[in-house]
C-alpha atoms as a PDB file:
ATOM      1  CA  MET A   1      82.793  86.561  73.686  1.00  0.00           C
ATOM      2  CA  ARG A   2      83.464  90.141  75.430  1.00  0.00           C
ATOM      3  CA  ASN A   3      81.402  91.632  72.463  1.00  0.00           C
ATOM      4  CA  LEU A   4      78.514  89.788  73.551  1.00  0.00           C
ATOM      5  CA  LEU A   5      78.229  91.176  77.203  1.00  0.00           C
ATOM      6  CA  PRO A   6      76.739  94.594  76.203  1.00  0.00           C
ATOM      7  CA  ILE A   7      74.132  92.503  73.770  1.00  0.00           C
ATOM      8  CA  VAL A   8      73.050  90.196  76.635  1.00  0.00           C
ATOM      9  CA  MET A   9      72.798  93.074  78.913  1.00  0.00           C
ATOM     10  CA  LEU A  10      70.740  94.861  76.422  1.00  0.00           C
ATOM     11  CA  VAL A  11      68.513  91.947  76.093  1.00  0.00           C
ATOM     12  CA  GLY A  12      67.822  92.184  79.711  1.00  0.00           C
ATOM     13  CA  SER A  13      67.392  95.922  79.888  1.00  0.00           C
ATOM     14  CA  ASN A  14      64.677  95.391  76.971  1.00  0.00           C
ATOM     15  CA  ILE A  15      62.866  92.875  79.005  1.00  0.00           C
ATOM     16  CA  PHE A  16      62.592  95.454  81.668  1.00  0.00           C
ATOM     17  CA  MET A  17      61.706  98.141  79.417  1.00  0.00           C
ATOM     18  CA  THR A  18      58.907  96.337  77.427  1.00  0.00           C
ATOM     19  CA  TYR A  19      57.269  94.993  80.556  1.00  0.00           C
ATOM     20  CA  ALA A  20      57.473  98.848  81.955  1.00  0.00           C
ATOM     21  CA  TRP A  21      55.916 100.427  78.673  1.00  0.00           C
ATOM     22  CA  TYR A  22      53.294  97.699  78.008  1.00  0.00           C
ATOM     23  CA  GLY A  23      52.800  95.472  80.970  1.00  0.00           C
ATOM     24  CA  HIS A  24      50.342  98.086  82.953  1.00  0.00           C
ATOM     25  CA  LEU A  25      48.048  97.143  80.045  1.00  0.00           C
ATOM     26  CA  LYS A  26      47.667  93.731  81.262  1.00  0.00           C
ATOM     27  CA  ASP A  27      48.424  93.889  84.713  1.00  0.00           C
ATOM     28  CA  LEU A  28      47.325  97.439  86.040  1.00  0.00           C
ATOM     29  CA  ARG A  29      44.269  98.118  83.939  1.00  0.00           C
ATOM     30  CA  SER A  30      42.009  98.786  86.839  1.00  0.00           C
ATOM     31  CA  LYS A  31      44.389 100.678  88.771  1.00  0.00           C
ATOM     32  CA  PRO A  32      44.558 104.594  88.685  1.00  0.00           C
ATOM     33  CA  LEU A  33      47.114 106.124  86.163  1.00  0.00           C
ATOM     34  CA  ALA A  34      49.313 107.553  88.713  1.00  0.00           C
ATOM     35  CA  VAL A  35      49.704 103.931  90.108  1.00  0.00           C
ATOM     36  CA  ALA A  36      50.737 102.439  86.827  1.00  0.00           C
ATOM     37  CA  ILE A  37      53.095 105.238  86.051  1.00  0.00           C
ATOM     38  CA  ALA A  38      54.775 104.888  89.594  1.00  0.00           C
ATOM     39  CA  LEU A  39      55.145 101.069  89.163  1.00  0.00           C
ATOM     40  CA  SER A  40      56.343 101.640  85.792  1.00  0.00           C
ATOM     41  CA  TRP A  41      58.949 103.947  86.704  1.00  0.00           C
ATOM     42  CA  CYS A  42      60.176 101.448  89.181  1.00  0.00           C
ATOM     43  CA  VAL A  43      60.416  98.665  86.540  1.00  0.00           C
ATOM     44  CA  ALA A  44      62.276 101.168  84.397  1.00  0.00           C
ATOM     45  CA  PHE A  45      64.859 101.552  87.195  1.00  0.00           C
ATOM     46  CA  PHE A  46      66.138  98.032  86.882  1.00  0.00           C
ATOM     47  CA  GLU A  47      66.188  98.948  82.786  1.00  0.00           C
ATOM     48  CA  TYR A  48      68.703 101.358  83.206  1.00  0.00           C
ATOM     49  CA  CYS A  49      70.702  99.476  85.539  1.00  0.00           C
ATOM     50  CA  LEU A  50      71.374  97.177  82.577  1.00  0.00           C
ATOM     51  CA  GLN A  51      70.955  99.554  79.378  1.00  0.00           C
ATOM     52  CA  VAL A  52      73.609 102.234  80.805  1.00  0.00           C
ATOM     53  CA  PRO A  53      76.552  99.984  81.607  1.00  0.00           C
ATOM     54  CA  ALA A  54      75.671  98.023  78.259  1.00  0.00           C
ATOM     55  CA  ASN A  55      75.875 101.045  76.091  1.00  0.00           C
ATOM     56  CA  ARG A  56      79.211 102.172  77.974  1.00  0.00           C
ATOM     57  CA  ILE A  57      80.815  98.843  77.557  1.00  0.00           C
ATOM     58  CA  GLY A  58      79.362  98.499  73.842  1.00  0.00           C
ATOM     59  CA  SER A  59      80.797 101.808  72.908  1.00  0.00           C
ATOM     60  CA  THR A  60      84.141 100.528  73.459  1.00  0.00           C
ATOM     61  CA  MET A  61      83.621  97.868  70.836  1.00  0.00           C
ATOM     62  CA  TYR A  62      80.668  99.103  68.589  1.00  0.00           C
ATOM     63  CA  SER A  63      79.673 102.647  66.922  1.00  0.00           C
ATOM     64  CA  LEU A  64      77.175 104.452  68.258  1.00  0.00           C
ATOM     65  CA  PRO A  65      74.918 103.773  64.986  1.00  0.00           C
ATOM     66  CA  GLN A  66      75.499 100.196  65.359  1.00  0.00           C
ATOM     67  CA  LEU A  67      74.800 100.173  69.211  1.00  0.00           C
ATOM     68  CA  LYS A  68      71.594 101.847  68.055  1.00  0.00           C
ATOM     69  CA  VAL A  69      70.796  99.235  65.510  1.00  0.00           C
ATOM     70  CA  ILE A  70      71.489  96.428  67.721  1.00  0.00           C
ATOM     71  CA  GLN A  71      69.141  98.134  70.345  1.00  0.00           C
ATOM     72  CA  GLU A  72      66.181  98.388  67.828  1.00  0.00           C
ATOM     73  CA  ILE A  73      66.689  94.690  66.819  1.00  0.00           C
ATOM     74  CA  ILE A  74      66.744  93.338  70.351  1.00  0.00           C
ATOM     75  CA  THR A  75      63.782  95.845  70.778  1.00  0.00           C
ATOM     76  CA  MET A  76      61.492  93.806  68.135  1.00  0.00           C
ATOM     77  CA  CYS A  77      62.672  90.883  69.027  1.00  0.00           C
ATOM     78  CA  VAL A  78      62.074  91.075  72.830  1.00  0.00           C
ATOM     79  CA  PHE A  79      58.584  92.924  71.806  1.00  0.00           C
ATOM     80  CA  ALA A  80      57.643  90.093  69.493  1.00  0.00           C
ATOM     81  CA  LEU A  81      58.007  87.233  71.993  1.00  0.00           C
ATOM     82  CA  PHE A  82      56.330  89.815  74.949  1.00  0.00           C
ATOM     83  CA  CYS A  83      53.454  90.367  72.405  1.00  0.00           C
ATOM     84  CA  ILE A  84      52.841  86.366  72.124  1.00  0.00           C
ATOM     85  CA  ALA A  85      53.649  85.133  75.372  1.00  0.00           C
ATOM     86  CA  TYR A  86      52.636  87.568  77.623  1.00  0.00           C
ATOM     87  CA  MET A  87      49.966  89.725  76.091  1.00  0.00           C
ATOM     88  CA  LYS A  88      48.395  86.629  74.353  1.00  0.00           C
ATOM     89  CA  GLN A  89      48.277  88.609  70.866  1.00  0.00           C
ATOM     90  CA  ARG A  90      48.645  87.808  67.158  1.00  0.00           C
ATOM     91  CA  LEU A  91      51.576  89.128  65.329  1.00  0.00           C
ATOM     92  CA  THR A  92      50.916  89.741  61.279  1.00  0.00           C
ATOM     93  CA  LEU A  93      53.000  89.543  58.359  1.00  0.00           C
ATOM     94  CA  ASP A  94      53.536  93.388  58.691  1.00  0.00           C
ATOM     95  CA  PHE A  95      55.881  92.705  61.992  1.00  0.00           C
ATOM     96  CA  LEU A  96      57.613  90.223  59.608  1.00  0.00           C
ATOM     97  CA  TRP A  97      58.391  93.036  57.114  1.00  0.00           C
ATOM     98  CA  ALA A  98      59.201  95.627  59.816  1.00  0.00           C
ATOM     99  CA  GLY A  99      61.753  93.125  61.266  1.00  0.00           C
ATOM    100  CA  LEU A 100      63.379  92.265  57.757  1.00  0.00           C
ATOM    101  CA  CYS A 101      63.780  96.190  57.414  1.00  0.00           C
ATOM    102  CA  LEU A 102      65.891  95.911  60.643  1.00  0.00           C
ATOM    103  CA  VAL A 103      67.983  93.123  59.188  1.00  0.00           C
ATOM    104  CA  GLY A 104      68.664  95.532  56.220  1.00  0.00           C
ATOM    105  CA  ALA A 105      69.414  98.185  58.653  1.00  0.00           C
ATOM    106  CA  ALA A 106      71.939  95.832  60.509  1.00  0.00           C
ATOM    107  CA  PHE A 107      73.577  94.871  57.112  1.00  0.00           C
ATOM    108  CA  PHE A 108      74.457  98.385  56.447  1.00  0.00           C
ATOM    109  CA  MET A 109      75.568  99.234  59.643  1.00  0.00           C
ATOM    110  CA  PHE A 110      77.971  96.358  60.014  1.00  0.00           C
ATOM    111  CA  ARG A 111      79.031  95.494  56.206  1.00  0.00           C
ATOM    112  CA  HIS A 112      82.379  97.544  56.744  1.00  0.00           C
ATOM    113  CA  MET A 113      83.024  96.443  60.360  1.00  0.00           C
ATOM    114  CA  GLN A 114      86.677  94.755  60.785  1.00  0.00           C
ATOM    115  CA  ALA A 115      86.733  91.555  62.623  1.00  0.00           C
ATOM    116  CA  SER A 116      89.100  91.746  65.670  1.00  0.00           C
ATOM    117  CA  PRO A 117      91.374  88.860  66.399  1.00  0.00           C
END
């Protein structure tokens, strides 16, 4: 169960990150760029409040490459949900193929991982 804490924190971090990176395209489109940048930085603060401790905790149980692959998989999943639910965009099969490439990356990163008792 302890191994899930960094993953849960990275999911939360990615929600903030995705909104900071792309939410302004919907919510702040009519605002000046400087306003969008400032508000995105404010949102990104909360991303880092989760991401930094998640990686610190995660580094005690996962290798750095494993953490990166976990992060990328979470990013793709959160981004897909964000696209569909918040931005009302349609995902294409190309997104699925890219996701399957990440499944392959996860397989290769974790195939030699020893199960801990």
